[in-house]
Amino acid sequence: MNIDTSESVQSVNTELSSNNKADTATHYRLSKDEQNTLAGRGEKQPPKAEELDVPDHIKRMIEQLDKLKEQFELAKERLAELKQHKDSQSDAMQQQIEIQSEMVMRLERQVITLTQGIADAMQEAGVSDPGVLLSIIA
């Protein structure tokens, strides 16, 4: 009984060579939203300011906090990109990294300060539900 295996070996070799070409494709970096979606955290959206039962001035503060958080995340991503740049040792790149680091720290302080301001405003307005504050911070 003779079994001809030359054709099957050739097809396996062809499949392996095509897989090697696919392995050399360019690298794709997932965004935070994509990572959260894949991790199953994408569907848990914090309530919008309009949905909360708080006074209007606190809603505006919450909207401002959302904008600040978004700016903070973008600044952190930009800093990470700068640090991974191939010329990160050059003086100009080091200066950009330093400037971006300072921006990230400033934005983080603003987020913390505004969060504390929202907590104080909620206390003054008589909103005592800690769940509301936690949903804002998340």
C-alpha atoms as a PDB file:
ATOM      1  CA  MET A   1       0.000   0.000   0.000  1.00  0.00           C
ATOM      2  CA  ASN A   2       1.598   3.262  -1.187  1.00  0.00           C
ATOM      3  CA  ILE A   3       0.350   6.574   0.154  1.00  0.00           C
ATOM      4  CA  ASP A   4       1.361   9.709  -1.715  1.00  0.00           C
ATOM      5  CA  THR A   5       2.144  12.367   0.899  1.00  0.00           C
ATOM      6  CA  SER A   6       4.027  14.789  -1.339  1.00  0.00           C
ATOM      7  CA  GLU A   7       0.919  16.845  -2.139  1.00  0.00           C
ATOM      8  CA  SER A   8      -0.157  17.196   1.501  1.00  0.00           C
ATOM      9  CA  VAL A   9       3.368  18.144   2.591  1.00  0.00           C
ATOM     10  CA  GLN A  10       3.513  20.797  -0.136  1.00  0.00           C
ATOM     11  CA  SER A  11       0.161  22.291   0.905  1.00  0.00           C
ATOM     12  CA  VAL A  12       1.272  22.417   4.545  1.00  0.00           C
ATOM     13  CA  ASN A  13       4.480  24.215   3.534  1.00  0.00           C
ATOM     14  CA  THR A  14       2.445  26.728   1.509  1.00  0.00           C
ATOM     15  CA  GLU A  15       0.176  27.410   4.505  1.00  0.00           C
ATOM     16  CA  LEU A  16       3.180  27.901   6.786  1.00  0.00           C
ATOM     17  CA  SER A  17       4.791  30.407   4.435  1.00  0.00           C
ATOM     18  CA  SER A  18       1.563  32.408   4.183  1.00  0.00           C
ATOM     19  CA  ASN A  19       1.261  32.438   8.000  1.00  0.00           C
ATOM     20  CA  ASN A  20       4.799  33.811   8.293  1.00  0.00           C
ATOM     21  CA  LYS A  21       3.836  36.704   6.030  1.00  0.00           C
ATOM     22  CA  ALA A  22       0.855  37.479   8.244  1.00  0.00           C
ATOM     23  CA  ASP A  23       3.112  37.512  11.333  1.00  0.00           C
ATOM     24  CA  THR A  24       5.181  40.361   9.883  1.00  0.00           C
ATOM     25  CA  ALA A  25       2.190  42.679   9.558  1.00  0.00           C
ATOM     26  CA  THR A  26       2.365  46.087  11.202  1.00  0.00           C
ATOM     27  CA  HIS A  27       1.572  46.353  14.894  1.00  0.00           C
ATOM     28  CA  TYR A  28      -1.825  47.808  15.855  1.00  0.00           C
ATOM     29  CA  ARG A  29      -2.292  49.466  19.238  1.00  0.00           C
ATOM     30  CA  LEU A  30      -5.730  49.264  20.853  1.00  0.00           C
ATOM     31  CA  SER A  31      -7.264  52.428  22.229  1.00  0.00           C
ATOM     32  CA  LYS A  32      -8.492  52.567  25.826  1.00  0.00           C
ATOM     33  CA  ASP A  33     -12.109  52.245  24.630  1.00  0.00           C
ATOM     34  CA  GLU A  34     -11.250  49.168  22.572  1.00  0.00           C
ATOM     35  CA  GLN A  35      -9.360  47.623  25.500  1.00  0.00           C
ATOM     36  CA  ASN A  36     -12.295  48.267  27.820  1.00  0.00           C
ATOM     37  CA  THR A  37     -14.746  46.814  25.314  1.00  0.00           C
ATOM     38  CA  LEU A  38     -12.668  43.666  24.923  1.00  0.00           C
ATOM     39  CA  ALA A  39     -12.318  43.365  28.696  1.00  0.00           C
ATOM     40  CA  GLY A  40     -16.087  43.660  29.113  1.00  0.00           C
ATOM     41  CA  ARG A  41     -15.887  47.034  30.791  1.00  0.00           C
ATOM     42  CA  GLY A  42     -17.040  49.019  27.774  1.00  0.00           C
ATOM     43  CA  GLU A  43     -20.754  48.834  28.495  1.00  0.00           C
ATOM     44  CA  LYS A  44     -20.568  50.317  32.001  1.00  0.00           C
ATOM     45  CA  GLN A  45     -20.901  53.988  31.247  1.00  0.00           C
ATOM     46  CA  PRO A  46     -21.149  56.348  34.200  1.00  0.00           C
ATOM     47  CA  PRO A  47     -24.394  58.288  34.285  1.00  0.00           C
ATOM     48  CA  LYS A  48     -24.402  61.562  32.390  1.00  0.00           C
ATOM     49  CA  ALA A  49     -24.647  64.786  34.328  1.00  0.00           C
ATOM     50  CA  GLU A  50     -28.172  65.317  32.995  1.00  0.00           C
ATOM     51  CA  GLU A  51     -29.290  61.963  34.435  1.00  0.00           C
ATOM     52  CA  LEU A  52     -28.195  62.745  37.986  1.00  0.00           C
ATOM     53  CA  ASP A  53     -30.528  64.264  40.549  1.00  0.00           C
ATOM     54  CA  VAL A  54     -28.305  67.211  41.471  1.00  0.00           C
ATOM     55  CA  PRO A  55     -28.582  71.004  41.068  1.00  0.00           C
ATOM     56  CA  ASP A  56     -27.711  72.575  37.703  1.00  0.00           C
ATOM     57  CA  HIS A  57     -24.472  74.185  38.874  1.00  0.00           C
ATOM     58  CA  ILE A  58     -23.202  70.775  39.999  1.00  0.00           C
ATOM     59  CA  LYS A  59     -24.217  69.266  36.649  1.00  0.00           C
ATOM     60  CA  ARG A  60     -22.087  71.891  34.886  1.00  0.00           C
ATOM     61  CA  MET A  61     -19.184  71.067  37.184  1.00  0.00           C
ATOM     62  CA  ILE A  62     -19.583  67.372  36.359  1.00  0.00           C
ATOM     63  CA  GLU A  63     -19.578  68.123  32.631  1.00  0.00           C
ATOM     64  CA  GLN A  64     -16.387  70.135  33.108  1.00  0.00           C
ATOM     65  CA  LEU A  65     -14.872  67.226  35.051  1.00  0.00           C
ATOM     66  CA  ASP A  66     -15.686  64.844  32.171  1.00  0.00           C
ATOM     67  CA  LYS A  67     -13.907  67.176  29.741  1.00  0.00           C
ATOM     68  CA  LEU A  68     -10.904  67.455  32.042  1.00  0.00           C
ATOM     69  CA  LYS A  69     -10.694  63.677  32.433  1.00  0.00           C
ATOM     70  CA  GLU A  70     -10.736  63.285  28.653  1.00  0.00           C
ATOM     71  CA  GLN A  71      -7.942  65.854  28.266  1.00  0.00           C
ATOM     72  CA  PHE A  72      -5.988  64.092  31.016  1.00  0.00           C
ATOM     73  CA  GLU A  73      -6.265  60.701  29.257  1.00  0.00           C
ATOM     74  CA  LEU A  74      -5.190  62.215  25.933  1.00  0.00           C
ATOM     75  CA  ALA A  75      -2.211  63.906  27.583  1.00  0.00           C
ATOM     76  CA  LYS A  76      -1.158  60.627  29.226  1.00  0.00           C
ATOM     77  CA  GLU A  77      -1.381  58.810  25.888  1.00  0.00           C
ATOM     78  CA  ARG A  78       0.686  61.523  24.206  1.00  0.00           C
ATOM     79  CA  LEU A  79       3.303  61.264  26.964  1.00  0.00           C
ATOM     80  CA  ALA A  80       3.517  57.500  26.501  1.00  0.00           C
ATOM     81  CA  GLU A  81       3.968  57.995  22.747  1.00  0.00           C
ATOM     82  CA  LEU A  82       6.741  60.518  23.318  1.00  0.00           C
ATOM     83  CA  LYS A  83       8.541  58.197  25.733  1.00  0.00           C
ATOM     84  CA  GLN A  84       8.441  55.350  23.214  1.00  0.00           C
ATOM     85  CA  HIS A  85       9.700  57.484  20.339  1.00  0.00           C
ATOM     86  CA  LYS A  86      12.979  56.204  18.905  1.00  0.00           C
ATOM     87  CA  ASP A  87      14.680  59.603  19.372  1.00  0.00           C
ATOM     88  CA  SER A  88      13.631  59.890  23.018  1.00  0.00           C
ATOM     89  CA  GLN A  89      17.227  60.521  24.085  1.00  0.00           C
ATOM     90  CA  SER A  90      17.654  63.713  22.069  1.00  0.00           C
ATOM     91  CA  ASP A  91      17.568  67.040  23.906  1.00  0.00           C
ATOM     92  CA  ALA A  92      14.542  68.301  21.970  1.00  0.00           C
ATOM     93  CA  MET A  93      12.604  65.108  22.659  1.00  0.00           C
ATOM     94  CA  GLN A  94      13.556  65.209  26.355  1.00  0.00           C
ATOM     95  CA  GLN A  95      12.241  68.766  26.536  1.00  0.00           C
ATOM     96  CA  GLN A  96       8.949  67.702  24.904  1.00  0.00           C
ATOM     97  CA  ILE A  97       8.661  64.804  27.357  1.00  0.00           C
ATOM     98  CA  GLU A  98       9.255  67.160  30.274  1.00  0.00           C
ATOM     99  CA  ILE A  99       6.644  69.647  29.015  1.00  0.00           C
ATOM    100  CA  GLN A 100       4.114  66.860  28.451  1.00  0.00           C
ATOM    101  CA  SER A 101       4.827  65.423  31.931  1.00  0.00           C
ATOM    102  CA  GLU A 102       4.144  68.810  33.476  1.00  0.00           C
ATOM    103  CA  MET A 103       0.897  69.068  31.507  1.00  0.00           C
ATOM    104  CA  VAL A 104      -0.198  65.624  32.723  1.00  0.00           C
ATOM    105  CA  MET A 105       0.550  66.591  36.332  1.00  0.00           C
ATOM    106  CA  ARG A 106      -1.332  69.900  35.975  1.00  0.00           C
ATOM    107  CA  LEU A 107      -4.372  68.179  34.497  1.00  0.00           C
ATOM    108  CA  GLU A 108      -4.313  65.566  37.244  1.00  0.00           C
ATOM    109  CA  ARG A 109      -4.260  68.298  39.912  1.00  0.00           C
ATOM    110  CA  GLN A 110      -7.172  70.034  38.170  1.00  0.00           C
ATOM    111  CA  VAL A 111      -9.185  66.799  38.120  1.00  0.00           C
ATOM    112  CA  ILE A 112      -8.531  66.264  41.833  1.00  0.00           C
ATOM    113  CA  THR A 113      -9.373  69.884  42.703  1.00  0.00           C
ATOM    114  CA  LEU A 114     -12.588  69.855  40.660  1.00  0.00           C
ATOM    115  CA  THR A 115     -13.630  66.516  42.155  1.00  0.00           C
ATOM    116  CA  GLN A 116     -13.157  67.979  45.634  1.00  0.00           C
ATOM    117  CA  GLY A 117     -15.099  71.074  44.570  1.00  0.00           C
ATOM    118  CA  ILE A 118     -17.969  68.901  43.353  1.00  0.00           C
ATOM    119  CA  ALA A 119     -17.995  66.996  46.646  1.00  0.00           C
ATOM    120  CA  ASP A 120     -18.084  70.273  48.578  1.00  0.00           C
ATOM    121  CA  ALA A 121     -20.851  71.697  46.356  1.00  0.00           C
ATOM    122  CA  MET A 122     -22.890  68.520  46.785  1.00  0.00           C
ATOM    123  CA  GLN A 123     -22.506  68.738  50.548  1.00  0.00           C
ATOM    124  CA  GLU A 124     -23.615  72.389  50.512  1.00  0.00           C
ATOM    125  CA  ALA A 125     -26.598  71.486  48.309  1.00  0.00           C
ATOM    126  CA  GLY A 126     -27.609  68.748  50.733  1.00  0.00           C
ATOM    127  CA  VAL A 127     -26.953  65.837  48.371  1.00  0.00           C
ATOM    128  CA  SER A 128     -25.927  63.111  50.779  1.00  0.00           C
ATOM    129  CA  ASP A 129     -26.033  60.060  48.498  1.00  0.00           C
ATOM    130  CA  PRO A 130     -22.432  58.757  48.313  1.00  0.00           C
ATOM    131  CA  GLY A 131     -23.358  56.712  45.226  1.00  0.00           C
ATOM    132  CA  VAL A 132     -23.826  59.898  43.222  1.00  0.00           C
ATOM    133  CA  LEU A 133     -20.331  61.105  44.080  1.00  0.00           C
ATOM    134  CA  LEU A 134     -18.835  57.698  43.347  1.00  0.00           C
ATOM    135  CA  SER A 135     -20.535  57.570  39.954  1.00  0.00           C
ATOM    136  CA  ILE A 136     -19.105  60.984  39.146  1.00  0.00           C
ATOM    137  CA  ILE A 137     -15.569  60.001  40.110  1.00  0.00           C
ATOM    138  CA  ALA A 138     -15.645  56.719  38.162  1.00  0.00           C
END
